[in-house]
């Protein structure tokens, strides 16, 4: 009787609507194109992804699957002439669509390097505009906590002008004993640098040997072109690296 009772309970649970895997959830693992009604997730290659933004005519701010309903909704939408720098691309990284910096060949030389997009961190093939009153040398910058914990205690660090460090820290409004994870997550080798008039916390590796695009750097050799967004260390300092010219 107990066995029969258990079977009856299982039957009632099944008829009562126990949760089952939907086509949407299966699509996250088997490459479903979203035709079943849900936004697809995951990718296998870069061509599975598309650039996207908050609205159809905004500059790209993230990447989604090409079969995402948002991409379909923007198909055929007439937008004003684009003013976005063509320096980003949709990439598939570890099965997820992400916004990535697109390598671009630049034939210009800038006094302070190439412009760094504040939103994406990608370089654009145009000269940077250095803000007045900023730094002019690395020695003017110091590392400091960016929040009440700082990277030594589970938070994050940043770099500011040495003359502004005290006021920056005071503006955080931190309590005397902030509650922090007490885990050191500081990036090894990070150091305060003056980048285009701004103090930034970047890798201390310095410029790559093939760095180019800034007035104080040598021009690329014959058969090479200065390419931005190719080397992360160079990009952090607003410059490109010399790469072989593409075949005609």
C-alpha atoms as a PDB file:
ATOM      1  CA  UNK A   1       0.000   0.000   0.000  1.00  0.00           C
ATOM      2  CA  UNK A   2       2.889   2.391   0.786  1.00  0.00           C
ATOM      3  CA  UNK A   3       4.383   1.863  -2.714  1.00  0.00           C
ATOM      4  CA  UNK A   4       1.035   2.514  -4.371  1.00  0.00           C
ATOM      5  CA  UNK A   5       0.580   5.649  -2.228  1.00  0.00           C
ATOM      6  CA  UNK A   6       3.969   6.988  -3.238  1.00  0.00           C
ATOM      7  CA  UNK A   7       3.212   6.424  -6.915  1.00  0.00           C
ATOM      8  CA  UNK A   8      -0.089   8.263  -6.526  1.00  0.00           C
ATOM      9  CA  UNK A   9       1.641  11.263  -4.945  1.00  0.00           C
ATOM     10  CA  UNK A  10       4.179  11.441  -7.788  1.00  0.00           C
ATOM     11  CA  UNK A  11       1.362  11.261 -10.351  1.00  0.00           C
ATOM     12  CA  UNK A  12      -0.528  14.117  -8.673  1.00  0.00           C
ATOM     13  CA  UNK A  13       2.604  16.283  -8.577  1.00  0.00           C
ATOM     14  CA  UNK A  14       3.198  15.724 -12.286  1.00  0.00           C
ATOM     15  CA  UNK A  15      -0.389  16.644 -13.157  1.00  0.00           C
ATOM     16  CA  UNK A  16      -0.214  19.675 -10.844  1.00  0.00           C
ATOM     17  CA  UNK A  17       2.318  21.525 -13.009  1.00  0.00           C
ATOM     18  CA  UNK A  18       5.792  20.705 -11.726  1.00  0.00           C
ATOM     19  CA  UNK A  19       8.420  22.917 -13.486  1.00  0.00           C
ATOM     20  CA  UNK A  20       9.975  21.532 -16.646  1.00  0.00           C
ATOM     21  CA  UNK A  21      12.801  22.762 -18.889  1.00  0.00           C
ATOM     22  CA  UNK A  22      11.545  25.236 -21.451  1.00  0.00           C
ATOM     23  CA  UNK A  23      12.805  25.730 -24.979  1.00  0.00           C
ATOM     24  CA  UNK A  24      14.309  29.052 -23.828  1.00  0.00           C
ATOM     25  CA  UNK A  25      16.422  27.428 -21.134  1.00  0.00           C
ATOM     26  CA  UNK A  26      17.537  24.681 -23.478  1.00  0.00           C
ATOM     27  CA  UNK A  27      18.522  27.293 -26.011  1.00  0.00           C
ATOM     28  CA  UNK A  28      21.142  28.650 -23.615  1.00  0.00           C
ATOM     29  CA  UNK A  29      23.071  25.402 -24.028  1.00  0.00           C
ATOM     30  CA  UNK A  30      22.296  24.173 -27.524  1.00  0.00           C
ATOM     31  CA  UNK A  31      22.451  27.394 -29.548  1.00  0.00           C
ATOM     32  CA  UNK A  32      18.717  28.052 -29.826  1.00  0.00           C
ATOM     33  CA  UNK A  33      18.152  31.075 -32.075  1.00  0.00           C
ATOM     34  CA  UNK A  34      15.377  32.462 -29.929  1.00  0.00           C
ATOM     35  CA  UNK A  35      12.524  31.460 -32.257  1.00  0.00           C
ATOM     36  CA  UNK A  36      10.775  29.921 -29.282  1.00  0.00           C
ATOM     37  CA  UNK A  37      10.042  33.369 -27.844  1.00  0.00           C
ATOM     38  CA  UNK A  38      12.936  34.108 -25.494  1.00  0.00           C
ATOM     39  CA  UNK A  39      16.101  36.143 -26.008  1.00  0.00           C
ATOM     40  CA  UNK A  40      18.896  33.698 -26.875  1.00  0.00           C
ATOM     41  CA  UNK A  41      21.953  33.450 -24.701  1.00  0.00           C
ATOM     42  CA  UNK A  42      25.471  32.324 -25.496  1.00  0.00           C
ATOM     43  CA  UNK A  43      27.527  32.323 -28.677  1.00  0.00           C
ATOM     44  CA  UNK A  44      30.073  30.209 -30.521  1.00  0.00           C
ATOM     45  CA  UNK A  45      31.782  32.796 -32.745  1.00  0.00           C
ATOM     46  CA  UNK A  46      32.000  36.571 -33.142  1.00  0.00           C
ATOM     47  CA  UNK A  47      29.456  36.509 -35.974  1.00  0.00           C
ATOM     48  CA  UNK A  48      26.858  35.238 -33.485  1.00  0.00           C
ATOM     49  CA  UNK A  49      26.972  38.644 -31.781  1.00  0.00           C
ATOM     50  CA  UNK A  50      25.861  42.166 -32.694  1.00  0.00           C
ATOM     51  CA  UNK A  51      26.507  45.644 -31.301  1.00  0.00           C
ATOM     52  CA  UNK A  52      23.640  47.203 -29.345  1.00  0.00           C
ATOM     53  CA  UNK A  53      22.738  50.277 -27.291  1.00  0.00           C
ATOM     54  CA  UNK A  54      19.941  51.655 -25.130  1.00  0.00           C
ATOM     55  CA  UNK A  55      18.168  52.880 -28.270  1.00  0.00           C
ATOM     56  CA  UNK A  56      18.539  51.965 -31.933  1.00  0.00           C
ATOM     57  CA  UNK A  57      20.394  55.185 -32.807  1.00  0.00           C
ATOM     58  CA  UNK A  58      22.734  55.441 -29.797  1.00  0.00           C
ATOM     59  CA  UNK A  59      26.419  54.594 -30.058  1.00  0.00           C
ATOM     60  CA  UNK A  60      27.120  50.922 -29.267  1.00  0.00           C
ATOM     61  CA  UNK A  61      27.458  50.284 -25.536  1.00  0.00           C
ATOM     62  CA  UNK A  62      27.253  46.480 -25.314  1.00  0.00           C
ATOM     63  CA  UNK A  63      26.813  43.359 -27.437  1.00  0.00           C
ATOM     64  CA  UNK A  64      24.001  40.817 -27.718  1.00  0.00           C
ATOM     65  CA  UNK A  65      23.125  37.780 -29.811  1.00  0.00           C
ATOM     66  CA  UNK A  66      22.257  38.525 -33.435  1.00  0.00           C
ATOM     67  CA  UNK A  67      18.909  36.840 -32.769  1.00  0.00           C
ATOM     68  CA  UNK A  68      18.088  39.060 -29.803  1.00  0.00           C
ATOM     69  CA  UNK A  69      14.663  40.743 -30.196  1.00  0.00           C
ATOM     70  CA  UNK A  70      16.317  44.143 -29.661  1.00  0.00           C
ATOM     71  CA  UNK A  71      18.466  43.624 -32.753  1.00  0.00           C
ATOM     72  CA  UNK A  72      15.463  42.602 -34.801  1.00  0.00           C
ATOM     73  CA  UNK A  73      13.474  45.620 -33.587  1.00  0.00           C
ATOM     74  CA  UNK A  74      16.167  48.003 -34.845  1.00  0.00           C
ATOM     75  CA  UNK A  75      16.344  46.473 -38.317  1.00  0.00           C
ATOM     76  CA  UNK A  76      15.347  49.110 -40.873  1.00  0.00           C
ATOM     77  CA  UNK A  77      15.208  51.981 -38.359  1.00  0.00           C
ATOM     78  CA  UNK A  78      16.342  55.247 -39.973  1.00  0.00           C
ATOM     79  CA  UNK A  79      18.885  57.080 -37.807  1.00  0.00           C
ATOM     80  CA  UNK A  80      20.744  60.396 -38.270  1.00  0.00           C
ATOM     81  CA  UNK A  81      24.248  60.188 -39.741  1.00  0.00           C
ATOM     82  CA  UNK A  82      26.364  58.295 -37.192  1.00  0.00           C
ATOM     83  CA  UNK A  83      28.826  60.242 -35.064  1.00  0.00           C
ATOM     84  CA  UNK A  84      30.182  57.180 -33.279  1.00  0.00           C
ATOM     85  CA  UNK A  85      33.851  56.292 -33.669  1.00  0.00           C
ATOM     86  CA  UNK A  86      34.224  52.996 -35.595  1.00  0.00           C
ATOM     87  CA  UNK A  87      36.436  51.479 -32.915  1.00  0.00           C
ATOM     88  CA  UNK A  88      34.298  48.782 -31.283  1.00  0.00           C
ATOM     89  CA  UNK A  89      33.099  45.375 -32.359  1.00  0.00           C
ATOM     90  CA  UNK A  90      30.947  42.552 -31.026  1.00  0.00           C
ATOM     91  CA  UNK A  91      33.023  39.640 -29.766  1.00  0.00           C
ATOM     92  CA  UNK A  92      32.214  36.165 -28.458  1.00  0.00           C
ATOM     93  CA  UNK A  93      34.259  35.515 -25.324  1.00  0.00           C
ATOM     94  CA  UNK A  94      33.778  32.303 -23.358  1.00  0.00           C
ATOM     95  CA  UNK A  95      30.328  31.816 -24.849  1.00  0.00           C
ATOM     96  CA  UNK A  96      29.105  35.341 -24.042  1.00  0.00           C
ATOM     97  CA  UNK A  97      28.647  38.315 -26.378  1.00  0.00           C
ATOM     98  CA  UNK A  98      30.749  41.287 -25.266  1.00  0.00           C
ATOM     99  CA  UNK A  99      31.742  44.707 -26.539  1.00  0.00           C
ATOM    100  CA  UNK A 100      35.383  44.699 -27.628  1.00  0.00           C
ATOM    101  CA  UNK A 101      37.839  47.259 -28.989  1.00  0.00           C
ATOM    102  CA  UNK A 102      38.411  46.930 -32.722  1.00  0.00           C
ATOM    103  CA  UNK A 103      41.979  47.252 -34.067  1.00  0.00           C
ATOM    104  CA  UNK A 104      42.173  50.230 -36.440  1.00  0.00           C
ATOM    105  CA  UNK A 105      45.101  51.410 -38.568  1.00  0.00           C
ATOM    106  CA  UNK A 106      45.837  55.132 -38.041  1.00  0.00           C
ATOM    107  CA  UNK A 107      48.023  57.279 -40.259  1.00  0.00           C
ATOM    108  CA  UNK A 108      48.133  60.262 -37.888  1.00  0.00           C
ATOM    109  CA  UNK A 109      50.569  61.334 -35.209  1.00  0.00           C
ATOM    110  CA  UNK A 110      49.238  63.122 -32.118  1.00  0.00           C
ATOM    111  CA  UNK A 111      51.062  65.270 -29.587  1.00  0.00           C
ATOM    112  CA  UNK A 112      49.467  63.458 -26.638  1.00  0.00           C
ATOM    113  CA  UNK A 113      48.349  60.204 -28.244  1.00  0.00           C
ATOM    114  CA  UNK A 114      44.963  59.020 -29.422  1.00  0.00           C
ATOM    115  CA  UNK A 115      41.634  59.826 -27.800  1.00  0.00           C
ATOM    116  CA  UNK A 116      40.423  57.303 -25.224  1.00  0.00           C
ATOM    117  CA  UNK A 117      36.666  56.743 -25.123  1.00  0.00           C
ATOM    118  CA  UNK A 118      35.564  57.241 -21.505  1.00  0.00           C
ATOM    119  CA  UNK A 119      32.674  54.792 -21.914  1.00  0.00           C
ATOM    120  CA  UNK A 120      34.374  51.853 -23.627  1.00  0.00           C
ATOM    121  CA  UNK A 121      38.051  52.511 -22.912  1.00  0.00           C
ATOM    122  CA  UNK A 122      38.797  51.982 -26.621  1.00  0.00           C
ATOM    123  CA  UNK A 123      41.068  54.262 -28.627  1.00  0.00           C
ATOM    124  CA  UNK A 124      39.733  56.295 -31.534  1.00  0.00           C
ATOM    125  CA  UNK A 125      41.784  57.342 -34.558  1.00  0.00           C
ATOM    126  CA  UNK A 126      41.780  61.000 -33.524  1.00  0.00           C
ATOM    127  CA  UNK A 127      44.032  63.092 -31.323  1.00  0.00           C
ATOM    128  CA  UNK A 128      43.337  63.348 -27.611  1.00  0.00           C
ATOM    129  CA  UNK A 129      42.302  66.671 -26.104  1.00  0.00           C
ATOM    130  CA  UNK A 130      44.286  67.194 -22.901  1.00  0.00           C
ATOM    131  CA  UNK A 131      42.230  68.961 -20.192  1.00  0.00           C
ATOM    132  CA  UNK A 132      43.722  72.145 -18.729  1.00  0.00           C
ATOM    133  CA  UNK A 133      45.118  72.010 -15.232  1.00  0.00           C
ATOM    134  CA  UNK A 134      45.904  68.293 -15.392  1.00  0.00           C
ATOM    135  CA  UNK A 135      49.127  66.435 -14.837  1.00  0.00           C
ATOM    136  CA  UNK A 136      52.161  66.712 -17.088  1.00  0.00           C
ATOM    137  CA  UNK A 137      54.373  64.008 -15.536  1.00  0.00           C
ATOM    138  CA  UNK A 138      53.957  60.664 -13.751  1.00  0.00           C
ATOM    139  CA  UNK A 139      55.609  62.111 -10.640  1.00  0.00           C
ATOM    140  CA  UNK A 140      52.582  64.380 -10.101  1.00  0.00           C
ATOM    141  CA  UNK A 141      50.247  61.398  -9.639  1.00  0.00           C
ATOM    142  CA  UNK A 142      49.728  59.144  -6.619  1.00  0.00           C
ATOM    143  CA  UNK A 143      47.683  56.020  -5.999  1.00  0.00           C
ATOM    144  CA  UNK A 144      44.812  56.262  -3.521  1.00  0.00           C
ATOM    145  CA  UNK A 145      41.693  54.362  -2.578  1.00  0.00           C
ATOM    146  CA  UNK A 146      38.732  54.840  -4.898  1.00  0.00           C
ATOM    147  CA  UNK A 147      36.241  53.783  -2.242  1.00  0.00           C
ATOM    148  CA  UNK A 148      36.214  53.337   1.515  1.00  0.00           C
ATOM    149  CA  UNK A 149      37.956  49.953   1.367  1.00  0.00           C
ATOM    150  CA  UNK A 150      40.615  50.381  -1.282  1.00  0.00           C
ATOM    151  CA  UNK A 151      42.031  47.397  -3.147  1.00  0.00           C
ATOM    152  CA  UNK A 152      44.043  46.227  -0.125  1.00  0.00           C
ATOM    153  CA  UNK A 153      40.770  45.495   1.698  1.00  0.00           C
ATOM    154  CA  UNK A 154      38.530  44.263  -1.116  1.00  0.00           C
ATOM    155  CA  UNK A 155      37.677  47.598  -2.750  1.00  0.00           C
ATOM    156  CA  UNK A 156      39.383  49.467  -5.573  1.00  0.00           C
ATOM    157  CA  UNK A 157      42.135  52.032  -6.039  1.00  0.00           C
ATOM    158  CA  UNK A 158      42.611  54.917  -8.438  1.00  0.00           C
ATOM    159  CA  UNK A 159      45.169  57.654  -9.148  1.00  0.00           C
ATOM    160  CA  UNK A 160      44.841  61.391  -8.544  1.00  0.00           C
ATOM    161  CA  UNK A 161      47.060  64.451  -8.469  1.00  0.00           C
ATOM    162  CA  UNK A 162      49.215  64.405  -5.344  1.00  0.00           C
ATOM    163  CA  UNK A 163      47.963  67.897  -4.523  1.00  0.00           C
ATOM    164  CA  UNK A 164      44.352  66.652  -4.559  1.00  0.00           C
ATOM    165  CA  UNK A 165      44.732  63.386  -2.674  1.00  0.00           C
ATOM    166  CA  UNK A 166      43.588  64.695   0.715  1.00  0.00           C
ATOM    167  CA  UNK A 167      40.492  66.394  -0.684  1.00  0.00           C
ATOM    168  CA  UNK A 168      39.645  63.358  -2.815  1.00  0.00           C
ATOM    169  CA  UNK A 169      39.812  61.042   0.193  1.00  0.00           C
ATOM    170  CA  UNK A 170      37.751  63.408   2.318  1.00  0.00           C
ATOM    171  CA  UNK A 171      35.077  63.572  -0.374  1.00  0.00           C
ATOM    172  CA  UNK A 172      34.543  59.808  -0.024  1.00  0.00           C
ATOM    173  CA  UNK A 173      32.944  60.432   3.372  1.00  0.00           C
ATOM    174  CA  UNK A 174      34.180  57.153   4.794  1.00  0.00           C
ATOM    175  CA  UNK A 175      33.630  56.140   8.433  1.00  0.00           C
ATOM    176  CA  UNK A 176      36.669  55.731  10.647  1.00  0.00           C
ATOM    177  CA  UNK A 177      36.361  51.931  10.539  1.00  0.00           C
ATOM    178  CA  UNK A 178      34.621  50.940   7.285  1.00  0.00           C
ATOM    179  CA  UNK A 179      33.263  47.423   6.898  1.00  0.00           C
ATOM    180  CA  UNK A 180      35.430  45.725   4.267  1.00  0.00           C
ATOM    181  CA  UNK A 181      36.073  42.140   3.111  1.00  0.00           C
ATOM    182  CA  UNK A 182      39.743  42.489   4.178  1.00  0.00           C
ATOM    183  CA  UNK A 183      40.941  40.709   1.038  1.00  0.00           C
ATOM    184  CA  UNK A 184      43.802  42.190  -0.973  1.00  0.00           C
ATOM    185  CA  UNK A 185      42.691  42.362  -4.627  1.00  0.00           C
ATOM    186  CA  UNK A 186      45.197  44.961  -5.822  1.00  0.00           C
ATOM    187  CA  UNK A 187      46.475  44.465  -9.367  1.00  0.00           C
ATOM    188  CA  UNK A 188      50.171  43.525  -9.222  1.00  0.00           C
ATOM    189  CA  UNK A 189      52.367  46.075 -10.931  1.00  0.00           C
ATOM    190  CA  UNK A 190      49.746  48.806 -11.184  1.00  0.00           C
ATOM    191  CA  UNK A 191      51.206  52.276 -10.771  1.00  0.00           C
ATOM    192  CA  UNK A 192      49.985  55.882 -11.035  1.00  0.00           C
ATOM    193  CA  UNK A 193      50.735  57.370 -14.452  1.00  0.00           C
ATOM    194  CA  UNK A 194      49.970  60.641 -16.179  1.00  0.00           C
ATOM    195  CA  UNK A 195      47.956  59.764 -19.281  1.00  0.00           C
ATOM    196  CA  UNK A 196      46.891  62.660 -21.499  1.00  0.00           C
ATOM    197  CA  UNK A 197      46.706  65.097 -18.594  1.00  0.00           C
ATOM    198  CA  UNK A 198      44.842  62.677 -16.312  1.00  0.00           C
ATOM    199  CA  UNK A 199      46.208  60.565 -13.489  1.00  0.00           C
ATOM    200  CA  UNK A 200      45.455  56.904 -14.176  1.00  0.00           C
ATOM    201  CA  UNK A 201      46.313  53.679 -12.384  1.00  0.00           C
ATOM    202  CA  UNK A 202      47.822  51.478 -15.092  1.00  0.00           C
ATOM    203  CA  UNK A 203      50.280  48.630 -15.498  1.00  0.00           C
ATOM    204  CA  UNK A 204      53.846  49.633 -14.779  1.00  0.00           C
ATOM    205  CA  UNK A 205      55.035  47.568 -17.726  1.00  0.00           C
ATOM    206  CA  UNK A 206      55.449  50.780 -19.676  1.00  0.00           C
ATOM    207  CA  UNK A 207      55.296  51.326 -23.411  1.00  0.00           C
ATOM    208  CA  UNK A 208      55.759  48.363 -25.742  1.00  0.00           C
ATOM    209  CA  UNK A 209      58.897  48.488 -27.874  1.00  0.00           C
ATOM    210  CA  UNK A 210      56.771  49.022 -30.989  1.00  0.00           C
ATOM    211  CA  UNK A 211      54.622  51.832 -29.551  1.00  0.00           C
ATOM    212  CA  UNK A 212      53.625  54.523 -32.058  1.00  0.00           C
ATOM    213  CA  UNK A 213      51.231  57.377 -32.772  1.00  0.00           C
ATOM    214  CA  UNK A 214      52.562  59.940 -30.295  1.00  0.00           C
ATOM    215  CA  UNK A 215      54.843  62.805 -31.281  1.00  0.00           C
ATOM    216  CA  UNK A 216      57.695  61.627 -29.031  1.00  0.00           C
ATOM    217  CA  UNK A 217      57.645  58.081 -30.448  1.00  0.00           C
ATOM    218  CA  UNK A 218      59.439  56.918 -33.611  1.00  0.00           C
ATOM    219  CA  UNK A 219      57.434  56.349 -36.774  1.00  0.00           C
ATOM    220  CA  UNK A 220      56.723  52.791 -37.877  1.00  0.00           C
ATOM    221  CA  UNK A 221      59.198  51.187 -40.264  1.00  0.00           C
ATOM    222  CA  UNK A 222      58.452  50.738 -43.946  1.00  0.00           C
ATOM    223  CA  UNK A 223      55.816  48.102 -44.521  1.00  0.00           C
ATOM    224  CA  UNK A 224      54.232  48.705 -41.112  1.00  0.00           C
ATOM    225  CA  UNK A 225      51.304  50.797 -39.907  1.00  0.00           C
ATOM    226  CA  UNK A 226      50.390  52.190 -36.489  1.00  0.00           C
ATOM    227  CA  UNK A 227      47.419  50.177 -35.183  1.00  0.00           C
ATOM    228  CA  UNK A 228      45.329  51.160 -32.173  1.00  0.00           C
ATOM    229  CA  UNK A 229      43.443  48.768 -29.872  1.00  0.00           C
ATOM    230  CA  UNK A 230      45.901  45.992 -30.639  1.00  0.00           C
ATOM    231  CA  UNK A 231      48.014  45.971 -27.468  1.00  0.00           C
ATOM    232  CA  UNK A 232      46.325  46.534 -24.058  1.00  0.00           C
ATOM    233  CA  UNK A 233      49.465  48.045 -22.516  1.00  0.00           C
ATOM    234  CA  UNK A 234      49.746  50.564 -25.351  1.00  0.00           C
ATOM    235  CA  UNK A 235      46.018  51.335 -25.304  1.00  0.00           C
ATOM    236  CA  UNK A 236      46.120  52.181 -21.597  1.00  0.00           C
ATOM    237  CA  UNK A 237      48.618  54.926 -22.437  1.00  0.00           C
ATOM    238  CA  UNK A 238      46.739  56.189 -25.481  1.00  0.00           C
ATOM    239  CA  UNK A 239      49.059  54.890 -28.193  1.00  0.00           C
ATOM    240  CA  UNK A 240      49.124  52.150 -30.794  1.00  0.00           C
ATOM    241  CA  UNK A 241      51.710  49.599 -31.901  1.00  0.00           C
ATOM    242  CA  UNK A 242      53.393  49.051 -35.259  1.00  0.00           C
ATOM    243  CA  UNK A 243      51.989  46.073 -37.157  1.00  0.00           C
ATOM    244  CA  UNK A 244      52.571  44.766 -40.694  1.00  0.00           C
ATOM    245  CA  UNK A 245      50.541  46.536 -43.345  1.00  0.00           C
ATOM    246  CA  UNK A 246      47.642  44.375 -44.558  1.00  0.00           C
ATOM    247  CA  UNK A 247      48.144  42.684 -47.874  1.00  0.00           C
ATOM    248  CA  UNK A 248      46.512  44.564 -50.795  1.00  0.00           C
END
